[in-house]
Amino acid sequence: MATCEMCGNHYDKTFDVVMNGERHTFDCFECAIHRMAPACTNCGCRIVGHGVEVDERLFCGAHCARSETGANVRDRASVLAT
């Protein structure tokens, strides 16, 4: 049984995430996201999608990027015609 590095839970169904050559062990995606996902420069929420990058800073979406930098950016999501 392995131990989650985030919450310390001993669990028989842990999984590993390798990032930049370092192995991390978690018992759930929630713990993995809390430990591994970058935080938005503006609002601090965890970025679990594509996010937006401006001047090497990460943002959860275009709104936060515009609020923080004034950059003319938009989210990558597109509206499908119906």
C-alpha atoms as a PDB file:
ATOM      1  CA  MET A   1       0.000   0.000   0.000  1.00  0.00           C
ATOM      2  CA  ALA A   2       1.335   3.412  -0.960  1.00  0.00           C
ATOM      3  CA  THR A   3       0.828   6.786   0.713  1.00  0.00           C
ATOM      4  CA  CYS A   4      -0.586   9.908  -0.947  1.00  0.00           C
ATOM      5  CA  GLU A   5       1.996  12.681  -0.737  1.00  0.00           C
ATOM      6  CA  MET A   6      -0.731  15.314  -0.437  1.00  0.00           C
ATOM      7  CA  CYS A   7      -3.065  13.990   2.249  1.00  0.00           C
ATOM      8  CA  GLY A   8      -1.055  11.126   3.744  1.00  0.00           C
ATOM      9  CA  ASN A   9      -3.791   8.552   3.085  1.00  0.00           C
ATOM     10  CA  HIS A  10      -2.599   4.932   2.834  1.00  0.00           C
ATOM     11  CA  TYR A  11      -4.437   3.455  -0.143  1.00  0.00           C
ATOM     12  CA  ASP A  12      -4.185   0.344  -2.314  1.00  0.00           C
ATOM     13  CA  LYS A  13      -5.161   2.171  -5.515  1.00  0.00           C
ATOM     14  CA  THR A  14      -2.709   5.071  -5.614  1.00  0.00           C
ATOM     15  CA  PHE A  15      -1.283   6.302  -8.906  1.00  0.00           C
ATOM     16  CA  ASP A  16       1.913   8.065  -9.872  1.00  0.00           C
ATOM     17  CA  VAL A  17       2.387  11.266 -11.835  1.00  0.00           C
ATOM     18  CA  VAL A  18       5.812  11.966 -13.320  1.00  0.00           C
ATOM     19  CA  MET A  19       6.573  15.621 -13.997  1.00  0.00           C
ATOM     20  CA  ASN A  20       9.994  16.971 -14.944  1.00  0.00           C
ATOM     21  CA  GLY A  21      11.489  13.603 -14.053  1.00  0.00           C
ATOM     22  CA  GLU A  22      10.071  13.600 -10.512  1.00  0.00           C
ATOM     23  CA  ARG A  23       7.575  10.906  -9.453  1.00  0.00           C
ATOM     24  CA  HIS A  24       4.614  11.884  -7.251  1.00  0.00           C
ATOM     25  CA  THR A  25       2.128   9.480  -5.660  1.00  0.00           C
ATOM     26  CA  PHE A  26      -1.537  10.358  -5.049  1.00  0.00           C
ATOM     27  CA  ASP A  27      -4.703   8.595  -3.949  1.00  0.00           C
ATOM     28  CA  CYS A  28      -7.089  10.758  -6.022  1.00  0.00           C
ATOM     29  CA  PHE A  29      -7.146  13.380  -8.770  1.00  0.00           C
ATOM     30  CA  GLU A  30      -8.168  16.050  -6.263  1.00  0.00           C
ATOM     31  CA  CYS A  31      -4.884  15.627  -4.383  1.00  0.00           C
ATOM     32  CA  ALA A  32      -2.894  15.514  -7.632  1.00  0.00           C
ATOM     33  CA  ILE A  33      -4.506  18.736  -8.876  1.00  0.00           C
ATOM     34  CA  HIS A  34      -3.976  20.510  -5.561  1.00  0.00           C
ATOM     35  CA  ARG A  35      -0.275  19.609  -5.544  1.00  0.00           C
ATOM     36  CA  MET A  36       0.612  19.702  -9.264  1.00  0.00           C
ATOM     37  CA  ALA A  37      -1.638  22.134 -11.149  1.00  0.00           C
ATOM     38  CA  PRO A  38      -0.339  25.684 -11.541  1.00  0.00           C
ATOM     39  CA  ALA A  39      -2.244  28.523  -9.900  1.00  0.00           C
ATOM     40  CA  CYS A  40      -3.732  31.450 -11.833  1.00  0.00           C
ATOM     41  CA  THR A  41      -1.544  34.541 -11.421  1.00  0.00           C
ATOM     42  CA  ASN A  42      -4.637  36.727 -10.970  1.00  0.00           C
ATOM     43  CA  CYS A  43      -7.204  34.800  -8.910  1.00  0.00           C
ATOM     44  CA  GLY A  44      -5.159  31.916  -7.533  1.00  0.00           C
ATOM     45  CA  CYS A  45      -7.461  29.098  -8.660  1.00  0.00           C
ATOM     46  CA  ARG A  46      -5.861  25.897  -9.904  1.00  0.00           C
ATOM     47  CA  ILE A  47      -5.596  25.667 -13.690  1.00  0.00           C
ATOM     48  CA  VAL A  48      -6.847  22.234 -14.710  1.00  0.00           C
ATOM     49  CA  GLY A  49      -7.538  23.083 -18.364  1.00  0.00           C
ATOM     50  CA  HIS A  50      -5.511  24.798 -21.048  1.00  0.00           C
ATOM     51  CA  GLY A  51      -5.422  28.188 -19.372  1.00  0.00           C
ATOM     52  CA  VAL A  52      -3.933  31.299 -20.960  1.00  0.00           C
ATOM     53  CA  GLU A  53      -0.276  32.350 -20.934  1.00  0.00           C
ATOM     54  CA  VAL A  54       0.819  35.983 -21.225  1.00  0.00           C
ATOM     55  CA  ASP A  55       4.443  37.048 -20.773  1.00  0.00           C
ATOM     56  CA  GLU A  56       5.289  33.643 -19.249  1.00  0.00           C
ATOM     57  CA  ARG A  57       2.556  34.043 -16.594  1.00  0.00           C
ATOM     58  CA  LEU A  58      -0.309  31.552 -16.403  1.00  0.00           C
ATOM     59  CA  PHE A  59      -3.972  32.465 -16.014  1.00  0.00           C
ATOM     60  CA  CYS A  60      -7.111  30.345 -15.684  1.00  0.00           C
ATOM     61  CA  GLY A  61      -8.773  32.163 -18.575  1.00  0.00           C
ATOM     62  CA  ALA A  62      -8.821  35.238 -20.764  1.00  0.00           C
ATOM     63  CA  HIS A  63     -10.728  37.341 -18.227  1.00  0.00           C
ATOM     64  CA  CYS A  64      -8.007  36.971 -15.595  1.00  0.00           C
ATOM     65  CA  ALA A  65      -5.267  37.519 -18.182  1.00  0.00           C
ATOM     66  CA  ARG A  66      -6.912  40.744 -19.387  1.00  0.00           C
ATOM     67  CA  SER A  67      -7.561  41.915 -15.810  1.00  0.00           C
ATOM     68  CA  GLU A  68      -3.946  41.406 -14.787  1.00  0.00           C
ATOM     69  CA  THR A  69      -2.089  42.436 -17.957  1.00  0.00           C
ATOM     70  CA  GLY A  70      -4.483  44.364 -20.183  1.00  0.00           C
ATOM     71  CA  ALA A  71      -3.482  42.014 -23.006  1.00  0.00           C
ATOM     72  CA  ASN A  72      -5.891  41.492 -25.877  1.00  0.00           C
ATOM     73  CA  VAL A  73      -6.436  37.753 -25.385  1.00  0.00           C
ATOM     74  CA  ARG A  74      -9.385  35.428 -25.671  1.00  0.00           C
ATOM     75  CA  ASP A  75     -10.084  31.918 -24.499  1.00  0.00           C
ATOM     76  CA  ARG A  76      -9.346  29.128 -26.946  1.00  0.00           C
ATOM     77  CA  ALA A  77     -12.832  27.696 -26.616  1.00  0.00           C
ATOM     78  CA  SER A  78     -14.929  28.343 -29.677  1.00  0.00           C
ATOM     79  CA  VAL A  79     -18.664  28.495 -30.132  1.00  0.00           C
ATOM     80  CA  LEU A  80     -20.091  25.829 -32.406  1.00  0.00           C
ATOM     81  CA  ALA A  81     -22.681  26.935 -34.946  1.00  0.00           C
ATOM     82  CA  THR A  82     -26.053  25.330 -34.435  1.00  0.00           C
END
